[in-house]
Amino acid sequence: MPKASEIKKNNTIVFDGKTCIVRDIERSVPQGRAGGSIYRMRMYDVVSGAKFDETFKDSDMLDMADLVRRPAMFSYMDGDDFVFLDKEDFTPYHLNKDSIADEALFINEKTDSIQVVIVDEVPVALDLPVSVELEVVETDPSIKGASATSRTKPAKLSTGLVVQVPEYISTGEWIRINTEERKFQSRA
């Protein structure tokens, strides 16, 4: 059983008899307290989809839920659902765009190494690779002679994500984005 301080985003825990997936974690250190940090977690009930916030001390022990991670690839959109195919047995997994809104900004046909998180035989979340390649669809013109360490400019990517890129990047280029920090890494 891990402590609350060891829980990461997209971990699945059992809380109040319900299987919940942790979508966001805020850490705070109250002033004047002799003790540790406080972790406020936004969680979603896997079965009902209800969201709620809960606060834990860093030393609180939590139960991890049984889950399976299956390698998958993005296949197509079906209304409001993203459909992913299992890379081994081609099982389709349907995930609503609202439940994976943050991850959807990094998904295109070239996105590889996606893992679908399955709890009680129901797909509930995605684990993305550390970096993905996306195309720049809109940005200011590149500036000749701009160095890699100079100023940045906003760039809109093919999925709708907007990130800051160096001035030498132009529209139509493919770039590598860090999915955890949502930052430019390099040209693809």
N, C-alpha and C. Protein backbone atom coordinates (compact mmCIF):
# COMPACT_ATOMS: atom_id res chain seq x y z
N MET A 1 0.84 -1.19 0.00
CA MET A 1 0.00 0.00 0.00
C MET A 1 0.88 1.24 0.00
N PRO A 2 0.77 2.06 -1.02
CA PRO A 2 1.59 3.27 -1.08
C PRO A 2 1.01 4.41 -0.23
N LYS A 3 1.90 5.33 0.12
CA LYS A 3 1.47 6.54 0.83
C LYS A 3 0.86 7.50 -0.18
N ALA A 4 0.11 8.46 0.30
CA ALA A 4 -0.51 9.47 -0.57
C ALA A 4 0.56 10.24 -1.35
N SER A 5 1.73 10.43 -0.76
CA SER A 5 2.80 11.17 -1.43
C SER A 5 3.39 10.41 -2.61
N GLU A 6 3.13 9.09 -2.70
CA GLU A 6 3.68 8.27 -3.78
C GLU A 6 2.69 8.10 -4.94
N ILE A 7 1.47 8.59 -4.79
CA ILE A 7 0.46 8.47 -5.84
C ILE A 7 0.76 9.47 -6.95
N LYS A 8 0.64 9.01 -8.19
CA LYS A 8 0.88 9.85 -9.36
C LYS A 8 -0.41 10.01 -10.15
N LYS A 9 -0.40 10.99 -11.04
CA LYS A 9 -1.54 11.22 -11.92
C LYS A 9 -1.80 9.96 -12.75
N ASN A 10 -3.07 9.63 -12.95
CA ASN A 10 -3.55 8.45 -13.68
C ASN A 10 -3.37 7.14 -12.93
N ASN A 11 -2.95 7.18 -11.65
CA ASN A 11 -2.96 5.96 -10.84
C ASN A 11 -4.41 5.65 -10.49
N THR A 12 -4.68 4.39 -10.24
CA THR A 12 -6.03 3.97 -9.88
C THR A 12 -6.00 3.45 -8.45
N ILE A 13 -6.88 4.00 -7.61
CA ILE A 13 -6.93 3.61 -6.20
C ILE A 13 -8.35 3.17 -5.83
N VAL A 14 -8.42 2.46 -4.71
CA VAL A 14 -9.72 2.09 -4.15
C VAL A 14 -9.96 3.04 -2.99
N PHE A 15 -11.06 3.83 -3.08
CA PHE A 15 -11.38 4.80 -2.05
C PHE A 15 -12.86 4.69 -1.72
N ASP A 16 -13.20 4.51 -0.45
CA ASP A 16 -14.59 4.33 -0.01
C ASP A 16 -15.29 3.19 -0.77
N GLY A 17 -14.55 2.13 -1.06
CA GLY A 17 -15.12 0.98 -1.74
C GLY A 17 -15.33 1.17 -3.23
N LYS A 18 -14.89 2.31 -3.79
CA LYS A 18 -15.05 2.59 -5.21
C LYS A 18 -13.68 2.62 -5.87
N THR A 19 -13.62 2.14 -7.10
CA THR A 19 -12.39 2.23 -7.88
C THR A 19 -12.35 3.60 -8.53
N CYS A 20 -11.30 4.36 -8.24
CA CYS A 20 -11.19 5.74 -8.73
C CYS A 20 -9.86 5.95 -9.44
N ILE A 21 -9.90 6.78 -10.48
CA ILE A 21 -8.68 7.14 -11.17
C ILE A 21 -8.33 8.57 -10.79
N VAL A 22 -7.06 8.82 -10.44
CA VAL A 22 -6.59 10.13 -10.01
C VAL A 22 -6.25 10.94 -11.26
N ARG A 23 -6.97 12.05 -11.47
CA ARG A 23 -6.76 12.88 -12.65
C ARG A 23 -5.85 14.08 -12.41
N ASP A 24 -5.84 14.57 -11.18
CA ASP A 24 -5.03 15.75 -10.90
C ASP A 24 -4.62 15.73 -9.44
N ILE A 25 -3.42 16.21 -9.15
CA ILE A 25 -2.91 16.25 -7.77
C ILE A 25 -2.32 17.63 -7.51
N GLU A 26 -2.76 18.24 -6.40
CA GLU A 26 -2.19 19.51 -5.95
C GLU A 26 -1.54 19.27 -4.60
N ARG A 27 -0.28 19.68 -4.49
CA ARG A 27 0.46 19.50 -3.23
C ARG A 27 0.58 20.86 -2.56
N SER A 28 0.31 20.90 -1.27
CA SER A 28 0.48 22.15 -0.52
C SER A 28 1.15 21.85 0.81
N VAL A 29 1.90 22.82 1.29
CA VAL A 29 2.56 22.70 2.58
C VAL A 29 2.02 23.81 3.47
N PRO A 30 1.07 23.48 4.36
CA PRO A 30 0.49 24.50 5.23
C PRO A 30 1.54 25.15 6.13
N GLN A 31 1.43 26.46 6.29
CA GLN A 31 2.36 27.20 7.14
C GLN A 31 2.05 26.95 8.60
N GLY A 32 3.06 26.87 9.42
CA GLY A 32 2.87 26.75 10.86
C GLY A 32 2.47 25.38 11.33
N ARG A 33 2.52 24.38 10.47
CA ARG A 33 2.16 23.03 10.87
C ARG A 33 3.42 22.22 11.04
N ALA A 34 3.47 21.52 12.11
CA ALA A 34 4.57 20.58 12.28
C ALA A 34 4.10 19.29 11.63
N GLY A 35 4.52 19.06 10.47
CA GLY A 35 4.06 17.88 9.76
C GLY A 35 4.36 17.98 8.30
N GLY A 36 3.74 17.12 7.55
CA GLY A 36 4.05 17.03 6.14
C GLY A 36 3.11 17.78 5.24
N SER A 37 3.17 17.41 4.00
CA SER A 37 2.39 18.06 2.97
C SER A 37 0.96 17.53 2.95
N ILE A 38 0.11 18.31 2.30
CA ILE A 38 -1.28 17.92 2.08
C ILE A 38 -1.44 17.72 0.57
N TYR A 39 -2.08 16.61 0.19
CA TYR A 39 -2.32 16.30 -1.22
C TYR A 39 -3.81 16.33 -1.50
N ARG A 40 -4.21 17.24 -2.39
CA ARG A 40 -5.61 17.33 -2.81
C ARG A 40 -5.70 16.65 -4.17
N MET A 41 -6.50 15.59 -4.23
CA MET A 41 -6.59 14.80 -5.45
C MET A 41 -7.98 14.91 -6.06
N ARG A 42 -8.02 15.18 -7.36
CA ARG A 42 -9.28 15.14 -8.11
C ARG A 42 -9.37 13.73 -8.68
N MET A 43 -10.46 13.04 -8.32
CA MET A 43 -10.63 11.65 -8.72
C MET A 43 -11.95 11.46 -9.45
N TYR A 44 -11.98 10.43 -10.30
CA TYR A 44 -13.18 10.04 -11.03
C TYR A 44 -13.51 8.60 -10.69
N ASP A 45 -14.76 8.36 -10.36
CA ASP A 45 -15.23 7.00 -10.13
C ASP A 45 -15.27 6.30 -11.49
N VAL A 46 -14.59 5.16 -11.58
CA VAL A 46 -14.48 4.44 -12.84
C VAL A 46 -15.85 3.97 -13.33
N VAL A 47 -16.71 3.54 -12.44
CA VAL A 47 -18.00 2.98 -12.82
C VAL A 47 -18.99 4.07 -13.21
N SER A 48 -19.20 5.05 -12.33
CA SER A 48 -20.24 6.06 -12.57
C SER A 48 -19.73 7.28 -13.33
N GLY A 49 -18.42 7.51 -13.31
CA GLY A 49 -17.86 8.69 -13.96
C GLY A 49 -17.95 9.94 -13.11
N ALA A 50 -18.49 9.83 -11.89
CA ALA A 50 -18.63 10.99 -11.00
C ALA A 50 -17.25 11.48 -10.56
N LYS A 51 -17.08 12.79 -10.52
CA LYS A 51 -15.79 13.33 -10.07
C LYS A 51 -15.94 13.95 -8.70
N PHE A 52 -14.86 13.87 -7.93
CA PHE A 52 -14.86 14.46 -6.60
C PHE A 52 -13.42 14.74 -6.18
N ASP A 53 -13.27 15.62 -5.22
CA ASP A 53 -11.96 15.97 -4.67
C ASP A 53 -11.84 15.40 -3.28
N GLU A 54 -10.65 14.97 -2.94
CA GLU A 54 -10.39 14.44 -1.60
C GLU A 54 -9.00 14.90 -1.17
N THR A 55 -8.83 15.15 0.12
CA THR A 55 -7.56 15.61 0.66
C THR A 55 -6.95 14.54 1.54
N PHE A 56 -5.64 14.33 1.37
CA PHE A 56 -4.91 13.33 2.14
C PHE A 56 -3.65 13.95 2.73
N LYS A 57 -3.23 13.44 3.89
CA LYS A 57 -1.92 13.78 4.44
C LYS A 57 -0.89 12.96 3.69
N ASP A 58 0.36 13.41 3.66
CA ASP A 58 1.37 12.68 2.90
C ASP A 58 1.63 11.27 3.42
N SER A 59 1.30 11.00 4.69
CA SER A 59 1.56 9.69 5.26
C SER A 59 0.35 8.75 5.19
N ASP A 60 -0.81 9.23 4.71
CA ASP A 60 -1.99 8.38 4.58
C ASP A 60 -1.70 7.23 3.63
N MET A 61 -2.14 6.03 4.01
CA MET A 61 -1.93 4.85 3.18
C MET A 61 -3.17 4.64 2.30
N LEU A 62 -2.94 4.40 1.01
CA LEU A 62 -4.03 4.21 0.06
C LEU A 62 -3.89 2.84 -0.62
N ASP A 63 -5.02 2.27 -1.03
CA ASP A 63 -5.03 0.98 -1.72
C ASP A 63 -5.00 1.22 -3.23
N MET A 64 -4.07 0.56 -3.90
CA MET A 64 -4.02 0.62 -5.36
C MET A 64 -5.04 -0.37 -5.92
N ALA A 65 -5.71 0.01 -6.98
CA ALA A 65 -6.69 -0.88 -7.62
C ALA A 65 -5.98 -1.76 -8.64
N ASP A 66 -6.59 -2.90 -8.91
CA ASP A 66 -6.07 -3.78 -9.95
C ASP A 66 -6.41 -3.20 -11.30
N LEU A 67 -5.41 -3.01 -12.12
CA LEU A 67 -5.65 -2.49 -13.45
C LEU A 67 -4.72 -3.15 -14.44
N VAL A 68 -5.09 -3.07 -15.68
CA VAL A 68 -4.31 -3.65 -16.76
C VAL A 68 -3.99 -2.54 -17.74
N ARG A 69 -2.77 -2.52 -18.23
CA ARG A 69 -2.37 -1.57 -19.26
C ARG A 69 -2.13 -2.36 -20.54
N ARG A 70 -2.85 -1.99 -21.61
CA ARG A 70 -2.73 -2.70 -22.88
C ARG A 70 -2.17 -1.75 -23.94
N PRO A 71 -1.15 -2.19 -24.69
CA PRO A 71 -0.63 -1.36 -25.78
C PRO A 71 -1.69 -1.19 -26.86
N ALA A 72 -1.87 0.03 -27.32
CA ALA A 72 -2.92 0.31 -28.30
C ALA A 72 -2.46 1.39 -29.26
N MET A 73 -3.25 1.55 -30.32
CA MET A 73 -3.00 2.63 -31.29
C MET A 73 -4.32 3.31 -31.60
N PHE A 74 -4.23 4.62 -31.88
CA PHE A 74 -5.43 5.38 -32.23
C PHE A 74 -5.92 4.90 -33.59
N SER A 75 -7.23 4.65 -33.69
CA SER A 75 -7.79 4.16 -34.94
C SER A 75 -8.65 5.22 -35.62
N TYR A 76 -9.73 5.68 -34.94
CA TYR A 76 -10.62 6.65 -35.55
C TYR A 76 -11.52 7.29 -34.50
N MET A 77 -12.26 8.34 -34.92
CA MET A 77 -13.25 8.99 -34.07
C MET A 77 -14.62 8.43 -34.42
N ASP A 78 -15.42 8.14 -33.38
CA ASP A 78 -16.79 7.66 -33.57
C ASP A 78 -17.70 8.58 -32.77
N GLY A 79 -18.15 9.67 -33.39
CA GLY A 79 -18.94 10.67 -32.67
C GLY A 79 -18.05 11.36 -31.65
N ASP A 80 -18.40 11.23 -30.36
CA ASP A 80 -17.60 11.83 -29.28
C ASP A 80 -16.60 10.84 -28.69
N ASP A 81 -16.48 9.67 -29.29
CA ASP A 81 -15.58 8.65 -28.77
C ASP A 81 -14.31 8.53 -29.61
N PHE A 82 -13.17 8.39 -28.92
CA PHE A 82 -11.93 8.01 -29.57
C PHE A 82 -11.90 6.48 -29.55
N VAL A 83 -11.57 5.87 -30.66
CA VAL A 83 -11.50 4.41 -30.72
C VAL A 83 -10.04 4.01 -30.89
N PHE A 84 -9.57 3.18 -29.97
CA PHE A 84 -8.21 2.67 -30.00
C PHE A 84 -8.26 1.16 -30.22
N LEU A 85 -7.30 0.62 -30.96
CA LEU A 85 -7.23 -0.81 -31.19
C LEU A 85 -6.06 -1.40 -30.42
N ASP A 86 -6.32 -2.51 -29.74
CA ASP A 86 -5.28 -3.24 -29.04
C ASP A 86 -4.27 -3.72 -30.08
N LYS A 87 -2.97 -3.52 -29.82
CA LYS A 87 -1.94 -3.89 -30.79
C LYS A 87 -1.75 -5.40 -30.90
N GLU A 88 -2.21 -6.15 -29.90
CA GLU A 88 -2.00 -7.59 -29.93
C GLU A 88 -3.20 -8.35 -30.48
N ASP A 89 -4.40 -8.07 -29.99
CA ASP A 89 -5.58 -8.82 -30.43
C ASP A 89 -6.63 -7.96 -31.14
N PHE A 90 -6.32 -6.70 -31.39
CA PHE A 90 -7.18 -5.76 -32.13
C PHE A 90 -8.54 -5.53 -31.50
N THR A 91 -8.63 -5.65 -30.18
CA THR A 91 -9.86 -5.33 -29.47
C THR A 91 -10.07 -3.82 -29.52
N PRO A 92 -11.26 -3.34 -29.90
CA PRO A 92 -11.49 -1.89 -29.91
C PRO A 92 -11.81 -1.38 -28.49
N TYR A 93 -11.21 -0.25 -28.13
CA TYR A 93 -11.49 0.40 -26.85
C TYR A 93 -12.07 1.77 -27.14
N HIS A 94 -13.27 2.04 -26.63
CA HIS A 94 -13.93 3.33 -26.84
C HIS A 94 -13.75 4.19 -25.59
N LEU A 95 -13.20 5.39 -25.77
CA LEU A 95 -13.04 6.34 -24.67
C LEU A 95 -13.67 7.66 -25.08
N ASN A 96 -14.56 8.19 -24.24
CA ASN A 96 -15.23 9.44 -24.52
C ASN A 96 -14.23 10.59 -24.49
N LYS A 97 -14.39 11.55 -25.41
CA LYS A 97 -13.42 12.65 -25.48
C LYS A 97 -13.39 13.49 -24.20
N ASP A 98 -14.50 13.56 -23.46
CA ASP A 98 -14.50 14.31 -22.21
C ASP A 98 -13.64 13.64 -21.14
N SER A 99 -13.60 12.32 -21.13
CA SER A 99 -12.83 11.60 -20.11
C SER A 99 -11.33 11.64 -20.39
N ILE A 100 -10.95 11.90 -21.65
CA ILE A 100 -9.53 11.98 -21.98
C ILE A 100 -9.18 13.33 -22.63
N ALA A 101 -9.85 14.39 -22.18
CA ALA A 101 -9.68 15.72 -22.79
C ALA A 101 -8.22 16.17 -22.80
N ASP A 102 -7.50 15.98 -21.69
CA ASP A 102 -6.09 16.40 -21.63
C ASP A 102 -5.22 15.58 -22.58
N GLU A 103 -5.44 14.28 -22.61
CA GLU A 103 -4.63 13.40 -23.44
C GLU A 103 -4.94 13.56 -24.93
N ALA A 104 -6.19 13.95 -25.26
CA ALA A 104 -6.60 14.07 -26.67
C ALA A 104 -5.77 15.11 -27.42
N LEU A 105 -5.20 16.08 -26.72
CA LEU A 105 -4.38 17.11 -27.36
C LEU A 105 -3.05 16.56 -27.89
N PHE A 106 -2.71 15.33 -27.55
CA PHE A 106 -1.45 14.74 -27.98
C PHE A 106 -1.64 13.55 -28.92
N ILE A 107 -2.87 13.28 -29.33
CA ILE A 107 -3.15 12.08 -30.11
C ILE A 107 -3.37 12.41 -31.58
N ASN A 108 -2.62 11.74 -32.44
CA ASN A 108 -2.84 11.77 -33.89
C ASN A 108 -2.48 10.41 -34.46
N GLU A 109 -2.50 10.27 -35.76
CA GLU A 109 -2.25 8.98 -36.40
C GLU A 109 -0.83 8.47 -36.13
N LYS A 110 0.12 9.38 -35.90
CA LYS A 110 1.52 8.97 -35.70
C LYS A 110 1.84 8.65 -34.24
N THR A 111 0.92 8.97 -33.31
CA THR A 111 1.20 8.74 -31.90
C THR A 111 1.34 7.25 -31.64
N ASP A 112 2.49 6.86 -31.13
CA ASP A 112 2.77 5.45 -30.87
C ASP A 112 2.98 5.26 -29.37
N SER A 113 3.00 4.04 -28.92
CA SER A 113 3.26 3.69 -27.51
C SER A 113 2.16 4.16 -26.57
N ILE A 114 0.94 4.25 -27.05
CA ILE A 114 -0.19 4.57 -26.18
C ILE A 114 -0.57 3.31 -25.42
N GLN A 115 -0.93 3.48 -24.15
CA GLN A 115 -1.43 2.36 -23.38
C GLN A 115 -2.82 2.71 -22.86
N VAL A 116 -3.77 1.80 -23.05
CA VAL A 116 -5.11 1.98 -22.53
C VAL A 116 -5.15 1.34 -21.15
N VAL A 117 -5.64 2.10 -20.16
CA VAL A 117 -5.76 1.61 -18.79
C VAL A 117 -7.14 0.98 -18.64
N ILE A 118 -7.17 -0.29 -18.24
CA ILE A 118 -8.42 -1.04 -18.12
C ILE A 118 -8.62 -1.47 -16.67
N VAL A 119 -9.79 -1.13 -16.11
CA VAL A 119 -10.16 -1.54 -14.76
C VAL A 119 -11.47 -2.30 -14.85
N ASP A 120 -11.50 -3.49 -14.30
CA ASP A 120 -12.69 -4.35 -14.36
C ASP A 120 -13.21 -4.50 -15.79
N GLU A 121 -12.30 -4.71 -16.72
CA GLU A 121 -12.60 -4.91 -18.14
C GLU A 121 -13.25 -3.70 -18.82
N VAL A 122 -13.11 -2.52 -18.24
CA VAL A 122 -13.64 -1.29 -18.82
C VAL A 122 -12.48 -0.32 -19.06
N PRO A 123 -12.30 0.18 -20.30
CA PRO A 123 -11.23 1.16 -20.54
C PRO A 123 -11.59 2.48 -19.84
N VAL A 124 -10.64 3.01 -19.05
CA VAL A 124 -10.95 4.20 -18.27
C VAL A 124 -10.01 5.37 -18.53
N ALA A 125 -8.81 5.11 -19.05
CA ALA A 125 -7.85 6.20 -19.22
C ALA A 125 -6.77 5.80 -20.22
N LEU A 126 -5.90 6.77 -20.52
CA LEU A 126 -4.77 6.54 -21.42
C LEU A 126 -3.48 6.89 -20.70
N ASP A 127 -2.44 6.13 -21.00
CA ASP A 127 -1.08 6.50 -20.62
C ASP A 127 -0.36 6.86 -21.90
N LEU A 128 0.10 8.10 -21.99
CA LEU A 128 0.78 8.56 -23.19
C LEU A 128 2.28 8.34 -23.09
N PRO A 129 2.97 8.28 -24.23
CA PRO A 129 4.43 8.23 -24.18
C PRO A 129 4.96 9.56 -23.63
N VAL A 130 6.23 9.60 -23.26
CA VAL A 130 6.82 10.81 -22.69
C VAL A 130 6.83 11.95 -23.70
N SER A 131 7.04 11.62 -24.98
CA SER A 131 7.01 12.66 -26.00
C SER A 131 6.26 12.18 -27.23
N VAL A 132 5.66 13.13 -27.95
CA VAL A 132 4.92 12.83 -29.17
C VAL A 132 5.34 13.83 -30.25
N GLU A 133 5.11 13.45 -31.52
CA GLU A 133 5.41 14.33 -32.64
C GLU A 133 4.11 14.90 -33.20
N LEU A 134 4.06 16.23 -33.30
CA LEU A 134 2.88 16.91 -33.83
C LEU A 134 3.30 17.95 -34.86
N GLU A 135 2.37 18.26 -35.77
CA GLU A 135 2.66 19.22 -36.83
C GLU A 135 2.23 20.63 -36.41
N VAL A 136 3.07 21.61 -36.73
CA VAL A 136 2.75 23.01 -36.49
C VAL A 136 1.84 23.47 -37.63
N VAL A 137 0.62 23.91 -37.30
CA VAL A 137 -0.32 24.34 -38.34
C VAL A 137 -0.44 25.86 -38.42
N GLU A 138 -0.02 26.55 -37.36
CA GLU A 138 -0.14 28.00 -37.38
C GLU A 138 0.88 28.62 -36.42
N THR A 139 1.72 29.50 -36.94
CA THR A 139 2.66 30.26 -36.12
C THR A 139 3.16 31.44 -36.94
N ASP A 140 3.80 32.38 -36.29
CA ASP A 140 4.38 33.52 -36.99
C ASP A 140 5.50 33.01 -37.90
N PRO A 141 5.82 33.77 -38.94
CA PRO A 141 6.91 33.34 -39.84
C PRO A 141 8.22 33.18 -39.07
N SER A 142 9.05 32.24 -39.56
CA SER A 142 10.35 32.04 -38.90
C SER A 142 11.25 33.21 -39.24
N ILE A 143 12.20 33.46 -38.34
CA ILE A 143 13.11 34.59 -38.51
C ILE A 143 14.49 34.05 -38.85
N LYS A 144 15.06 34.51 -39.97
CA LYS A 144 16.39 34.06 -40.35
C LYS A 144 17.39 34.50 -39.31
N GLY A 145 18.31 33.60 -38.98
CA GLY A 145 19.36 33.94 -38.01
C GLY A 145 18.93 33.80 -36.57
N ALA A 146 17.70 33.34 -36.32
CA ALA A 146 17.24 33.15 -34.94
C ALA A 146 18.00 31.98 -34.34
N SER A 147 18.48 32.17 -33.14
CA SER A 147 19.25 31.09 -32.50
C SER A 147 18.31 30.22 -31.67
N ALA A 148 18.80 29.04 -31.33
CA ALA A 148 17.98 28.07 -30.59
C ALA A 148 17.70 28.53 -29.17
N THR A 149 18.49 29.43 -28.64
CA THR A 149 18.32 29.85 -27.25
C THR A 149 17.64 31.20 -27.13
N SER A 150 17.14 31.74 -28.24
CA SER A 150 16.55 33.07 -28.17
C SER A 150 15.08 33.02 -27.78
N ARG A 151 14.36 34.03 -28.15
CA ARG A 151 12.95 34.17 -27.76
C ARG A 151 12.07 33.07 -28.35
N THR A 152 10.86 32.97 -27.79
CA THR A 152 9.90 31.99 -28.29
C THR A 152 8.66 32.69 -28.82
N LYS A 153 7.83 31.91 -29.49
CA LYS A 153 6.58 32.41 -30.04
C LYS A 153 5.54 31.30 -29.90
N PRO A 154 4.24 31.66 -29.85
CA PRO A 154 3.22 30.61 -29.75
C PRO A 154 3.03 29.89 -31.09
N ALA A 155 2.76 28.60 -31.02
CA ALA A 155 2.49 27.81 -32.21
C ALA A 155 1.28 26.92 -31.95
N LYS A 156 0.33 26.92 -32.89
CA LYS A 156 -0.83 26.04 -32.78
C LYS A 156 -0.51 24.75 -33.52
N LEU A 157 -0.75 23.62 -32.86
CA LEU A 157 -0.43 22.32 -33.44
C LEU A 157 -1.67 21.67 -34.04
N SER A 158 -1.50 20.59 -34.77
CA SER A 158 -2.58 19.94 -35.51
C SER A 158 -3.72 19.45 -34.62
N THR A 159 -3.46 19.23 -33.34
CA THR A 159 -4.51 18.75 -32.43
C THR A 159 -5.21 19.88 -31.69
N GLY A 160 -4.77 21.13 -31.90
CA GLY A 160 -5.36 22.27 -31.22
C GLY A 160 -4.53 22.76 -30.04
N LEU A 161 -3.52 22.01 -29.65
CA LEU A 161 -2.64 22.39 -28.55
C LEU A 161 -1.80 23.60 -28.97
N VAL A 162 -1.62 24.56 -28.06
CA VAL A 162 -0.77 25.73 -28.32
C VAL A 162 0.41 25.66 -27.36
N VAL A 163 1.64 25.71 -27.91
CA VAL A 163 2.86 25.68 -27.11
C VAL A 163 3.79 26.78 -27.57
N GLN A 164 4.74 27.11 -26.74
CA GLN A 164 5.78 28.07 -27.10
C GLN A 164 6.90 27.33 -27.81
N VAL A 165 7.32 27.87 -28.96
CA VAL A 165 8.40 27.26 -29.75
C VAL A 165 9.46 28.32 -30.05
N PRO A 166 10.69 27.89 -30.35
CA PRO A 166 11.72 28.87 -30.74
C PRO A 166 11.34 29.58 -32.03
N GLU A 167 11.92 30.75 -32.26
CA GLU A 167 11.56 31.57 -33.43
C GLU A 167 11.89 30.91 -34.76
N TYR A 168 12.82 29.96 -34.79
CA TYR A 168 13.21 29.35 -36.06
C TYR A 168 12.22 28.29 -36.56
N ILE A 169 11.22 27.93 -35.77
CA ILE A 169 10.21 26.95 -36.18
C ILE A 169 9.18 27.64 -37.07
N SER A 170 8.79 26.96 -38.17
CA SER A 170 7.81 27.56 -39.08
C SER A 170 6.61 26.62 -39.28
N THR A 171 5.56 27.16 -39.87
CA THR A 171 4.35 26.40 -40.14
C THR A 171 4.67 25.21 -41.06
N GLY A 172 4.08 24.05 -40.75
CA GLY A 172 4.29 22.85 -41.56
C GLY A 172 5.37 21.92 -41.01
N GLU A 173 6.15 22.38 -40.06
CA GLU A 173 7.19 21.52 -39.49
C GLU A 173 6.60 20.59 -38.44
N TRP A 174 7.24 19.45 -38.25
CA TRP A 174 6.86 18.50 -37.20
C TRP A 174 7.81 18.71 -36.03
N ILE A 175 7.24 18.80 -34.82
CA ILE A 175 8.07 19.01 -33.63
C ILE A 175 7.74 17.95 -32.58
N ARG A 176 8.67 17.76 -31.66
CA ARG A 176 8.48 16.80 -30.57
C ARG A 176 8.07 17.58 -29.32
N ILE A 177 6.99 17.11 -28.66
CA ILE A 177 6.44 17.77 -27.48
C ILE A 177 6.52 16.83 -26.29
N ASN A 178 6.94 17.35 -25.14
CA ASN A 178 6.92 16.59 -23.89
C ASN A 178 5.49 16.58 -23.37
N THR A 179 4.89 15.39 -23.21
CA THR A 179 3.48 15.30 -22.84
C THR A 179 3.23 15.67 -21.38
N GLU A 180 4.19 15.47 -20.50
CA GLU A 180 3.99 15.77 -19.09
C GLU A 180 4.08 17.27 -18.82
N GLU A 181 5.04 17.93 -19.46
CA GLU A 181 5.25 19.36 -19.23
C GLU A 181 4.55 20.24 -20.27
N ARG A 182 4.05 19.63 -21.34
CA ARG A 182 3.43 20.36 -22.45
C ARG A 182 4.36 21.41 -23.03
N LYS A 183 5.61 20.99 -23.25
CA LYS A 183 6.62 21.92 -23.75
C LYS A 183 7.31 21.36 -24.98
N PHE A 184 7.82 22.29 -25.81
CA PHE A 184 8.60 21.97 -26.98
C PHE A 184 9.90 21.27 -26.55
N GLN A 185 10.26 20.18 -27.26
CA GLN A 185 11.53 19.50 -26.99
C GLN A 185 12.51 19.73 -28.11
N SER A 186 12.09 19.42 -29.35
CA SER A 186 12.99 19.53 -30.49
C SER A 186 12.19 19.40 -31.78
N ARG A 187 12.91 19.58 -32.90
CA ARG A 187 12.31 19.26 -34.19
C ARG A 187 12.19 17.75 -34.28
N ALA A 188 11.17 17.29 -35.01
CA ALA A 188 11.00 15.84 -35.18
C ALA A 188 11.84 15.33 -36.33
